[in-house]
Amino acid sequence: MYVHQDADDTALVRRCLDGDTGAFNAIVERYQRVLFTVALRFLGDRDAAADAAQNAFVRAFEKLDTFDPGRRFFSWIYRIVINECLNAKRRERPTDPIPETLPGGCDPFELLDAAERRQRVQAAIMALSAEYRAVIVLRHFAGLSYDEIADAVGVATGVVKSRLYTARQRLGQMLLERT
């Protein structure tokens, strides 16, 4: 399954490099959701995540000639989006906007409780080191397999499993301490 997708990605890259820039639209459609999800979980802000994902696609398009067809395209573009997220974190000003309105038809206490829970989980994820955060985000929010994560972050599958175990333990401990 992934071998076929990798061949499709390589063919799309080749078409772009040969002048068919419209072929890049297929790449964007294929990876837009997963890159946004990775950026959102890395940055914790929808607008910043959308910007990071968009910037990653722009950078990828500009640097398409540096892609090595012997590697997986996802691994290459994943590194670009992570670099964009790191750049965004460096530029980030610490602010926590308060929503102006609450969605109608819901119990405000339930909304507040759910928002606080999401915020605690996001804060715990953000407190992890980048190596642990990456495997959590790729496994639980991007839905990648252990092998795909290993390829994306450039480590062995066993290291991914070990990092996931440790990251989950640390997340659980942080969440228990914050309750």
C-alpha atoms as a PDB file:
ATOM      1  CA  MET A   1       0.000   0.000   0.000  1.00  0.00           C
ATOM      2  CA  TYR A   2       2.648   2.564   1.014  1.00  0.00           C
ATOM      3  CA  VAL A   3       4.987   1.463  -1.766  1.00  0.00           C
ATOM      4  CA  HIS A   4       2.275   2.416  -4.264  1.00  0.00           C
ATOM      5  CA  GLN A   5       1.732   5.776  -2.520  1.00  0.00           C
ATOM      6  CA  ASP A   6       5.499   6.396  -2.466  1.00  0.00           C
ATOM      7  CA  ALA A   7       5.644   5.702  -6.209  1.00  0.00           C
ATOM      8  CA  ASP A   8       2.710   8.084  -6.759  1.00  0.00           C
ATOM      9  CA  ASP A   9       4.461  10.775  -4.704  1.00  0.00           C
ATOM     10  CA  THR A  10       7.687  10.340  -6.655  1.00  0.00           C
ATOM     11  CA  ALA A  11       5.782  10.536  -9.948  1.00  0.00           C
ATOM     12  CA  LEU A  12       4.017  13.717  -8.811  1.00  0.00           C
ATOM     13  CA  VAL A  13       7.322  15.273  -7.795  1.00  0.00           C
ATOM     14  CA  ARG A  14       8.816  14.336 -11.163  1.00  0.00           C
ATOM     15  CA  ARG A  15       5.850  15.920 -12.973  1.00  0.00           C
ATOM     16  CA  CYS A  16       6.283  19.127 -10.963  1.00  0.00           C
ATOM     17  CA  LEU A  17       9.986  19.243 -11.729  1.00  0.00           C
ATOM     18  CA  ASP A  18       9.203  18.693 -15.414  1.00  0.00           C
ATOM     19  CA  GLY A  19       7.013  21.803 -15.420  1.00  0.00           C
ATOM     20  CA  ASP A  20       3.550  20.479 -14.479  1.00  0.00           C
ATOM     21  CA  THR A  21       3.161  22.603 -11.345  1.00  0.00           C
ATOM     22  CA  GLY A  22      -0.493  21.562 -11.114  1.00  0.00           C
ATOM     23  CA  ALA A  23       0.680  18.115 -10.010  1.00  0.00           C
ATOM     24  CA  PHE A  24       1.614  19.704  -6.696  1.00  0.00           C
ATOM     25  CA  ASN A  25      -2.119  20.110  -5.969  1.00  0.00           C
ATOM     26  CA  ALA A  26      -2.389  16.325  -5.609  1.00  0.00           C
ATOM     27  CA  ILE A  27       0.462  16.386  -3.102  1.00  0.00           C
ATOM     28  CA  VAL A  28      -1.254  19.142  -1.126  1.00  0.00           C
ATOM     29  CA  GLU A  29      -4.556  17.239  -1.133  1.00  0.00           C
ATOM     30  CA  ARG A  30      -2.848  14.044   0.019  1.00  0.00           C
ATOM     31  CA  TYR A  31      -0.879  15.590   2.899  1.00  0.00           C
ATOM     32  CA  GLN A  32      -2.780  18.725   3.903  1.00  0.00           C
ATOM     33  CA  ARG A  33      -4.779  17.119   6.687  1.00  0.00           C
ATOM     34  CA  VAL A  34      -1.935  15.151   8.257  1.00  0.00           C
ATOM     35  CA  LEU A  35       0.492  18.106   8.151  1.00  0.00           C
ATOM     36  CA  PHE A  36      -2.124  20.401   9.683  1.00  0.00           C
ATOM     37  CA  THR A  37      -2.780  17.830  12.429  1.00  0.00           C
ATOM     38  CA  VAL A  38       0.923  17.472  13.169  1.00  0.00           C
ATOM     39  CA  ALA A  39       1.349  21.258  13.271  1.00  0.00           C
ATOM     40  CA  LEU A  40      -1.742  21.726  15.448  1.00  0.00           C
ATOM     41  CA  ARG A  41      -0.569  19.208  18.010  1.00  0.00           C
ATOM     42  CA  PHE A  42       2.928  20.643  17.926  1.00  0.00           C
ATOM     43  CA  LEU A  43       1.867  24.289  18.237  1.00  0.00           C
ATOM     44  CA  GLY A  44      -1.486  24.049  20.007  1.00  0.00           C
ATOM     45  CA  ASP A  45      -3.075  26.843  17.944  1.00  0.00           C
ATOM     46  CA  ARG A  46      -5.242  26.370  14.837  1.00  0.00           C
ATOM     47  CA  ASP A  47      -4.155  29.570  13.088  1.00  0.00           C
ATOM     48  CA  ALA A  48      -0.464  28.967  13.762  1.00  0.00           C
ATOM     49  CA  ALA A  49      -0.862  25.354  12.605  1.00  0.00           C
ATOM     50  CA  ALA A  50      -2.571  26.418   9.377  1.00  0.00           C
ATOM     51  CA  ASP A  51       0.234  28.910   8.737  1.00  0.00           C
ATOM     52  CA  ALA A  52       2.928  26.325   9.483  1.00  0.00           C
ATOM     53  CA  ALA A  53       1.330  23.731   7.185  1.00  0.00           C
ATOM     54  CA  GLN A  54       0.896  26.277   4.408  1.00  0.00           C
ATOM     55  CA  ASN A  55       4.483  27.478   4.806  1.00  0.00           C
ATOM     56  CA  ALA A  56       5.665  23.870   4.712  1.00  0.00           C
ATOM     57  CA  PHE A  57       3.967  23.347   1.360  1.00  0.00           C
ATOM     58  CA  VAL A  58       5.477  26.557   0.001  1.00  0.00           C
ATOM     59  CA  ARG A  59       8.952  25.515   1.177  1.00  0.00           C
ATOM     60  CA  ALA A  60       8.472  22.018  -0.210  1.00  0.00           C
ATOM     61  CA  PHE A  61       7.463  23.416  -3.585  1.00  0.00           C
ATOM     62  CA  GLU A  62      10.427  25.790  -3.625  1.00  0.00           C
ATOM     63  CA  LYS A  63      12.858  23.013  -2.668  1.00  0.00           C
ATOM     64  CA  LEU A  64      11.277  20.158  -4.632  1.00  0.00           C
ATOM     65  CA  ASP A  65      14.497  19.658  -6.568  1.00  0.00           C
ATOM     66  CA  THR A  66      16.243  18.647  -3.306  1.00  0.00           C
ATOM     67  CA  PHE A  67      13.858  15.728  -2.673  1.00  0.00           C
ATOM     68  CA  ASP A  68      15.664  12.375  -2.842  1.00  0.00           C
ATOM     69  CA  PRO A  69      13.377   9.885  -4.648  1.00  0.00           C
ATOM     70  CA  GLY A  70      15.102   7.086  -2.743  1.00  0.00           C
ATOM     71  CA  ARG A  71      13.410   8.305   0.452  1.00  0.00           C
ATOM     72  CA  ARG A  72       9.740   8.584   1.394  1.00  0.00           C
ATOM     73  CA  PHE A  73       8.153  11.879   0.421  1.00  0.00           C
ATOM     74  CA  PHE A  74       6.184  12.011   3.678  1.00  0.00           C
ATOM     75  CA  SER A  75       9.384  11.815   5.719  1.00  0.00           C
ATOM     76  CA  TRP A  76      10.831  14.694   3.722  1.00  0.00           C
ATOM     77  CA  ILE A  77       7.791  16.968   4.003  1.00  0.00           C
ATOM     78  CA  TYR A  78       7.292  16.000   7.662  1.00  0.00           C
ATOM     79  CA  ARG A  79      10.743  17.403   8.464  1.00  0.00           C
ATOM     80  CA  ILE A  80       9.792  20.610   6.666  1.00  0.00           C
ATOM     81  CA  VAL A  81       6.572  21.064   8.675  1.00  0.00           C
ATOM     82  CA  ILE A  82       8.398  20.356  11.940  1.00  0.00           C
ATOM     83  CA  ASN A  83      10.991  22.993  11.047  1.00  0.00           C
ATOM     84  CA  GLU A  84       8.170  25.430  10.299  1.00  0.00           C
ATOM     85  CA  CYS A  85       6.624  24.631  13.684  1.00  0.00           C
ATOM     86  CA  LEU A  86       9.941  25.207  15.441  1.00  0.00           C
ATOM     87  CA  ASN A  87      10.293  28.536  13.631  1.00  0.00           C
ATOM     88  CA  ALA A  88       6.757  29.490  14.671  1.00  0.00           C
ATOM     89  CA  LYS A  89       7.528  28.601  18.304  1.00  0.00           C
ATOM     90  CA  ARG A  90      10.556  30.889  18.216  1.00  0.00           C
ATOM     91  CA  ARG A  91       8.416  33.762  16.901  1.00  0.00           C
ATOM     92  CA  GLU A  92       5.478  33.051  19.210  1.00  0.00           C
ATOM     93  CA  ARG A  93       4.332  35.567  21.768  1.00  0.00           C
ATOM     94  CA  PRO A  94       2.774  34.023  24.850  1.00  0.00           C
ATOM     95  CA  THR A  95      -0.940  34.753  24.538  1.00  0.00           C
ATOM     96  CA  ASP A  96      -3.997  32.727  25.317  1.00  0.00           C
ATOM     97  CA  PRO A  97      -7.006  34.238  23.529  1.00  0.00           C
ATOM     98  CA  ILE A  98     -10.389  33.858  25.166  1.00  0.00           C
ATOM     99  CA  PRO A  99     -13.204  32.966  22.786  1.00  0.00           C
ATOM    100  CA  GLU A 100     -15.646  35.850  22.392  1.00  0.00           C
ATOM    101  CA  THR A 101     -18.714  33.624  22.211  1.00  0.00           C
ATOM    102  CA  LEU A 102     -19.676  30.161  23.322  1.00  0.00           C
ATOM    103  CA  PRO A 103     -21.387  27.813  20.875  1.00  0.00           C
ATOM    104  CA  GLY A 104     -25.145  27.824  21.454  1.00  0.00           C
ATOM    105  CA  GLY A 105     -27.227  24.913  22.647  1.00  0.00           C
ATOM    106  CA  CYS A 106     -24.607  23.423  24.970  1.00  0.00           C
ATOM    107  CA  ASP A 107     -24.244  23.320  28.698  1.00  0.00           C
ATOM    108  CA  PRO A 108     -21.618  25.966  29.535  1.00  0.00           C
ATOM    109  CA  PHE A 109     -20.217  23.821  32.357  1.00  0.00           C
ATOM    110  CA  GLU A 110     -19.731  20.853  30.026  1.00  0.00           C
ATOM    111  CA  LEU A 111     -18.088  23.115  27.459  1.00  0.00           C
ATOM    112  CA  LEU A 112     -15.786  24.543  30.092  1.00  0.00           C
ATOM    113  CA  ASP A 113     -14.909  21.088  31.420  1.00  0.00           C
ATOM    114  CA  ALA A 114     -14.166  19.739  27.933  1.00  0.00           C
ATOM    115  CA  ALA A 115     -12.105  22.829  27.073  1.00  0.00           C
ATOM    116  CA  GLU A 116     -10.117  22.523  30.304  1.00  0.00           C
ATOM    117  CA  ARG A 117      -9.468  18.822  29.622  1.00  0.00           C
ATOM    118  CA  ARG A 118      -8.264  19.573  26.068  1.00  0.00           C
ATOM    119  CA  GLN A 119      -6.094  22.359  27.410  1.00  0.00           C
ATOM    120  CA  ARG A 120      -4.533  20.062  30.059  1.00  0.00           C
ATOM    121  CA  VAL A 121      -3.805  17.386  27.460  1.00  0.00           C
ATOM    122  CA  GLN A 122      -2.375  19.944  25.026  1.00  0.00           C
ATOM    123  CA  ALA A 123      -0.253  21.508  27.782  1.00  0.00           C
ATOM    124  CA  ALA A 124       1.061  18.080  28.766  1.00  0.00           C
ATOM    125  CA  ILE A 125       1.902  17.267  25.143  1.00  0.00           C
ATOM    126  CA  MET A 126       3.651  20.614  24.789  1.00  0.00           C
ATOM    127  CA  ALA A 127       5.656  19.923  27.960  1.00  0.00           C
ATOM    128  CA  LEU A 128       7.159  16.793  26.400  1.00  0.00           C
ATOM    129  CA  SER A 129      10.521  17.074  24.696  1.00  0.00           C
ATOM    130  CA  ALA A 130      10.370  17.343  20.905  1.00  0.00           C
ATOM    131  CA  GLU A 131      11.384  13.694  20.399  1.00  0.00           C
ATOM    132  CA  TYR A 132       8.543  12.414  22.605  1.00  0.00           C
ATOM    133  CA  ARG A 133       6.029  14.948  21.316  1.00  0.00           C
ATOM    134  CA  ALA A 134       6.735  13.938  17.722  1.00  0.00           C
ATOM    135  CA  VAL A 135       6.001  10.238  18.263  1.00  0.00           C
ATOM    136  CA  ILE A 136       2.812  10.976  20.236  1.00  0.00           C
ATOM    137  CA  VAL A 137       1.514  13.346  17.570  1.00  0.00           C
ATOM    138  CA  LEU A 138       2.413  11.069  14.666  1.00  0.00           C
ATOM    139  CA  ARG A 139       0.905   7.972  16.287  1.00  0.00           C
ATOM    140  CA  HIS A 140      -2.216   9.322  17.965  1.00  0.00           C
ATOM    141  CA  PHE A 141      -3.133  12.368  15.901  1.00  0.00           C
ATOM    142  CA  ALA A 142      -1.715  11.561  12.459  1.00  0.00           C
ATOM    143  CA  GLY A 143      -2.433   7.814  12.700  1.00  0.00           C
ATOM    144  CA  LEU A 144       0.946   6.635  11.414  1.00  0.00           C
ATOM    145  CA  SER A 145       2.252   3.111  11.976  1.00  0.00           C
ATOM    146  CA  TYR A 146       5.424   2.472  13.980  1.00  0.00           C
ATOM    147  CA  ASP A 147       7.379   1.907  10.768  1.00  0.00           C
ATOM    148  CA  GLU A 148       6.084   5.126   9.220  1.00  0.00           C
ATOM    149  CA  ILE A 149       6.995   7.078  12.347  1.00  0.00           C
ATOM    150  CA  ALA A 150      10.445   5.510  12.364  1.00  0.00           C
ATOM    151  CA  ASP A 151      10.959   6.568   8.768  1.00  0.00           C
ATOM    152  CA  ALA A 152       9.624  10.074   9.403  1.00  0.00           C
ATOM    153  CA  VAL A 153      11.801  10.802  12.422  1.00  0.00           C
ATOM    154  CA  GLY A 154      14.814   8.809  11.250  1.00  0.00           C
ATOM    155  CA  VAL A 155      15.117   6.229  14.026  1.00  0.00           C
ATOM    156  CA  ALA A 156      14.600   2.475  14.324  1.00  0.00           C
ATOM    157  CA  THR A 157      11.116   1.075  14.945  1.00  0.00           C
ATOM    158  CA  GLY A 158      12.228  -0.176  18.361  1.00  0.00           C
ATOM    159  CA  VAL A 159      13.244   3.350  19.316  1.00  0.00           C
ATOM    160  CA  VAL A 160       9.796   4.602  18.263  1.00  0.00           C
ATOM    161  CA  LYS A 161       8.117   2.005  20.484  1.00  0.00           C
ATOM    162  CA  SER A 162      10.369   2.914  23.394  1.00  0.00           C
ATOM    163  CA  ARG A 163       9.756   6.636  22.949  1.00  0.00           C
ATOM    164  CA  LEU A 164       6.003   6.089  22.702  1.00  0.00           C
ATOM    165  CA  TYR A 165       5.993   4.063  25.903  1.00  0.00           C
ATOM    166  CA  THR A 166       8.012   6.701  27.752  1.00  0.00           C
ATOM    167  CA  ALA A 167       5.962   9.565  26.301  1.00  0.00           C
ATOM    168  CA  ARG A 168       2.691   7.920  27.326  1.00  0.00           C
ATOM    169  CA  GLN A 169       4.010   7.309  30.830  1.00  0.00           C
ATOM    170  CA  ARG A 170       5.116  10.938  31.157  1.00  0.00           C
ATOM    171  CA  LEU A 171       1.814  12.228  29.773  1.00  0.00           C
ATOM    172  CA  GLY A 172      -0.132  10.091  32.223  1.00  0.00           C
ATOM    173  CA  GLN A 173       1.993  11.278  35.121  1.00  0.00           C
ATOM    174  CA  MET A 174       1.654  14.951  34.117  1.00  0.00           C
ATOM    175  CA  LEU A 175      -2.101  14.646  33.696  1.00  0.00           C
ATOM    176  CA  LEU A 176      -2.511  12.954  37.080  1.00  0.00           C
ATOM    177  CA  GLU A 177      -0.454  15.688  38.757  1.00  0.00           C
ATOM    178  CA  ARG A 178      -2.625  18.413  37.203  1.00  0.00           C
ATOM    179  CA  THR A 179      -5.957  17.028  38.385  1.00  0.00           C
END
